[in-house]
C-alpha atoms as a PDB file:
ATOM      1  CA  MET A   1      45.957 -78.010  53.947  1.00  0.00           C
ATOM      2  CA  ASP A   2      44.592 -76.093  56.934  1.00  0.00           C
ATOM      3  CA  ASN A   3      40.927 -75.945  57.946  1.00  0.00           C
ATOM      4  CA  GLU A   4      40.436 -72.420  56.617  1.00  0.00           C
ATOM      5  CA  LEU A   5      41.516 -73.471  53.122  1.00  0.00           C
ATOM      6  CA  GLU A   6      39.374 -76.602  53.292  1.00  0.00           C
ATOM      7  CA  VAL A   7      36.312 -74.460  54.082  1.00  0.00           C
ATOM      8  CA  TYR A   8      37.271 -72.049  51.283  1.00  0.00           C
ATOM      9  CA  PHE A   9      37.466 -74.827  48.690  1.00  0.00           C
ATOM     10  CA  ARG A  10      34.355 -76.593  50.022  1.00  0.00           C
ATOM     11  CA  ASN A  11      32.358 -73.355  49.720  1.00  0.00           C
ATOM     12  CA  TYR A  12      33.524 -72.822  46.146  1.00  0.00           C
ATOM     13  CA  SER A  13      32.750 -76.438  45.272  1.00  0.00           C
ATOM     14  CA  ALA A  14      29.203 -76.034  46.575  1.00  0.00           C
ATOM     15  CA  MET A  15      28.789 -72.840  44.579  1.00  0.00           C
ATOM     16  CA  PHE A  16      30.092 -74.458  41.378  1.00  0.00           C
ATOM     17  CA  LEU A  17      27.501 -77.231  41.709  1.00  0.00           C
ATOM     18  CA  SER A  18      24.584 -74.839  42.090  1.00  0.00           C
ATOM     19  CA  ASP A  19      22.157 -74.261  39.238  1.00  0.00           C
ATOM     20  CA  VAL A  20      22.434 -70.521  39.830  1.00  0.00           C
ATOM     21  CA  PHE A  21      26.189 -70.546  39.177  1.00  0.00           C
ATOM     22  CA  LYS A  22      25.749 -72.716  36.077  1.00  0.00           C
ATOM     23  CA  GLU A  23      23.128 -70.281  34.754  1.00  0.00           C
ATOM     24  CA  LEU A  24      25.400 -67.324  35.490  1.00  0.00           C
ATOM     25  CA  ILE A  25      28.303 -68.928  33.612  1.00  0.00           C
ATOM     26  CA  SER A  26      26.029 -69.704  30.668  1.00  0.00           C
ATOM     27  CA  GLU A  27      24.855 -66.092  30.552  1.00  0.00           C
ATOM     28  CA  LEU A  28      28.370 -64.665  30.881  1.00  0.00           C
ATOM     29  CA  THR A  29      29.683 -67.002  28.189  1.00  0.00           C
ATOM     30  CA  ALA A  30      26.981 -65.811  25.798  1.00  0.00           C
ATOM     31  CA  ASN A  31      27.821 -62.192  26.630  1.00  0.00           C
ATOM     32  CA  ALA A  32      31.543 -62.790  26.121  1.00  0.00           C
ATOM     33  CA  THR A  33      30.877 -64.417  22.759  1.00  0.00           C
ATOM     34  CA  GLN A  34      28.799 -61.446  21.673  1.00  0.00           C
ATOM     35  CA  LEU A  35      31.428 -58.954  22.853  1.00  0.00           C
ATOM     36  CA  ALA A  36      34.206 -60.888  21.114  1.00  0.00           C
ATOM     37  CA  ASP A  37      32.503 -60.345  17.755  1.00  0.00           C
ATOM     38  CA  ILE A  38      34.502 -57.368  16.508  1.00  0.00           C
ATOM     39  CA  GLN A  39      32.684 -56.864  13.218  1.00  0.00           C
ATOM     40  CA  THR A  40      30.695 -53.937  14.603  1.00  0.00           C
ATOM     41  CA  VAL A  41      33.577 -52.228  16.425  1.00  0.00           C
ATOM     42  CA  LYS A  42      33.796 -48.595  15.367  1.00  0.00           C
ATOM     43  CA  ASP A  43      37.325 -47.683  16.490  1.00  0.00           C
ATOM     44  CA  ALA A  44      40.392 -48.727  18.475  1.00  0.00           C
ATOM     45  CA  ASP A  45      38.967 -47.322  21.714  1.00  0.00           C
ATOM     46  CA  GLU A  46      35.897 -49.520  21.475  1.00  0.00           C
ATOM     47  CA  LEU A  47      38.073 -52.516  20.584  1.00  0.00           C
ATOM     48  CA  HIS A  48      40.198 -52.019  23.714  1.00  0.00           C
ATOM     49  CA  TYR A  49      37.089 -51.505  25.842  1.00  0.00           C
ATOM     50  CA  ARG A  50      35.574 -54.744  24.572  1.00  0.00           C
ATOM     51  CA  LYS A  51      38.859 -56.552  25.109  1.00  0.00           C
ATOM     52  CA  GLY A  52      38.751 -55.492  28.762  1.00  0.00           C
ATOM     53  CA  GLN A  53      35.138 -56.595  29.113  1.00  0.00           C
ATOM     54  CA  VAL A  54      35.882 -60.012  27.616  1.00  0.00           C
ATOM     55  CA  ALA A  55      38.906 -60.415  29.902  1.00  0.00           C
ATOM     56  CA  ALA A  56      36.809 -59.583  32.965  1.00  0.00           C
ATOM     57  CA  LEU A  57      34.105 -62.049  31.932  1.00  0.00           C
ATOM     58  CA  ALA A  58      36.734 -64.713  31.250  1.00  0.00           C
ATOM     59  CA  THR A  59      37.989 -64.359  34.820  1.00  0.00           C
ATOM     60  CA  VAL A  60      34.575 -65.318  36.173  1.00  0.00           C
ATOM     61  CA  ILE A  61      33.892 -67.920  33.477  1.00  0.00           C
ATOM     62  CA  ASN A  62      37.199 -69.644  34.284  1.00  0.00           C
ATOM     63  CA  LEU A  63      36.841 -69.328  38.065  1.00  0.00           C
ATOM     64  CA  GLU A  64      35.965 -72.979  38.597  1.00  0.00           C
ATOM     65  CA  ALA A  65      39.019 -74.190  36.653  1.00  0.00           C
ATOM     66  CA  THR A  66      41.259 -71.714  38.478  1.00  0.00           C
ATOM     67  CA  VAL A  67      40.041 -72.710  41.937  1.00  0.00           C
ATOM     68  CA  THR A  68      40.243 -76.416  41.066  1.00  0.00           C
ATOM     69  CA  ALA A  69      43.812 -76.042  39.797  1.00  0.00           C
ATOM     70  CA  ASN A  70      44.805 -74.163  42.958  1.00  0.00           C
ATOM     71  CA  ARG A  71      43.231 -76.832  45.169  1.00  0.00           C
ATOM     72  CA  ASP A  72      44.937 -79.624  43.243  1.00  0.00           C
ATOM     73  CA  GLN A  73      48.293 -77.860  43.515  1.00  0.00           C
ATOM     74  CA  LEU A  74      47.920 -77.338  47.270  1.00  0.00           C
ATOM     75  CA  GLU A  75      46.877 -80.966  47.739  1.00  0.00           C
ATOM     76  CA  ALA A  76      49.889 -82.156  45.727  1.00  0.00           C
ATOM     77  CA  GLU A  77      52.201 -79.930  47.766  1.00  0.00           C
ATOM     78  CA  SER A  78      50.649 -81.211  51.006  1.00  0.00           C
ATOM     79  CA  ALA A  79      51.102 -84.816  49.839  1.00  0.00           C
ATOM     80  CA  GLY A  80      54.720 -84.014  49.003  1.00  0.00           C
ATOM     81  CA  ASP A  81      55.250 -82.643  52.513  1.00  0.00           C
ATOM     82  CA  LEU A  82      54.003 -85.924  53.962  1.00  0.00           C
ATOM     83  CA  ASP A  83      56.491 -87.939  51.912  1.00  0.00           C
ATOM     84  CA  VAL A  84      59.486 -86.154  53.466  1.00  0.00           C
END
């Protein structure tokens, strides 16, 4: 893995450990849960709108897992390159 990627992953790791990020994820998770409750949806348009909102929130909520998986994959590929 090159230095630029190492800095990228190190910066994300630092962010994921911060209390501010943890608070943000907690808040977004609560919002996503509230939006996912479809009992008060009036019509199909509102349902689709909410679906988009929940998907957008899920992207941020799952950011840590996504970045970690990408880092792990790159590390595994780099280790594989060394074995050749």
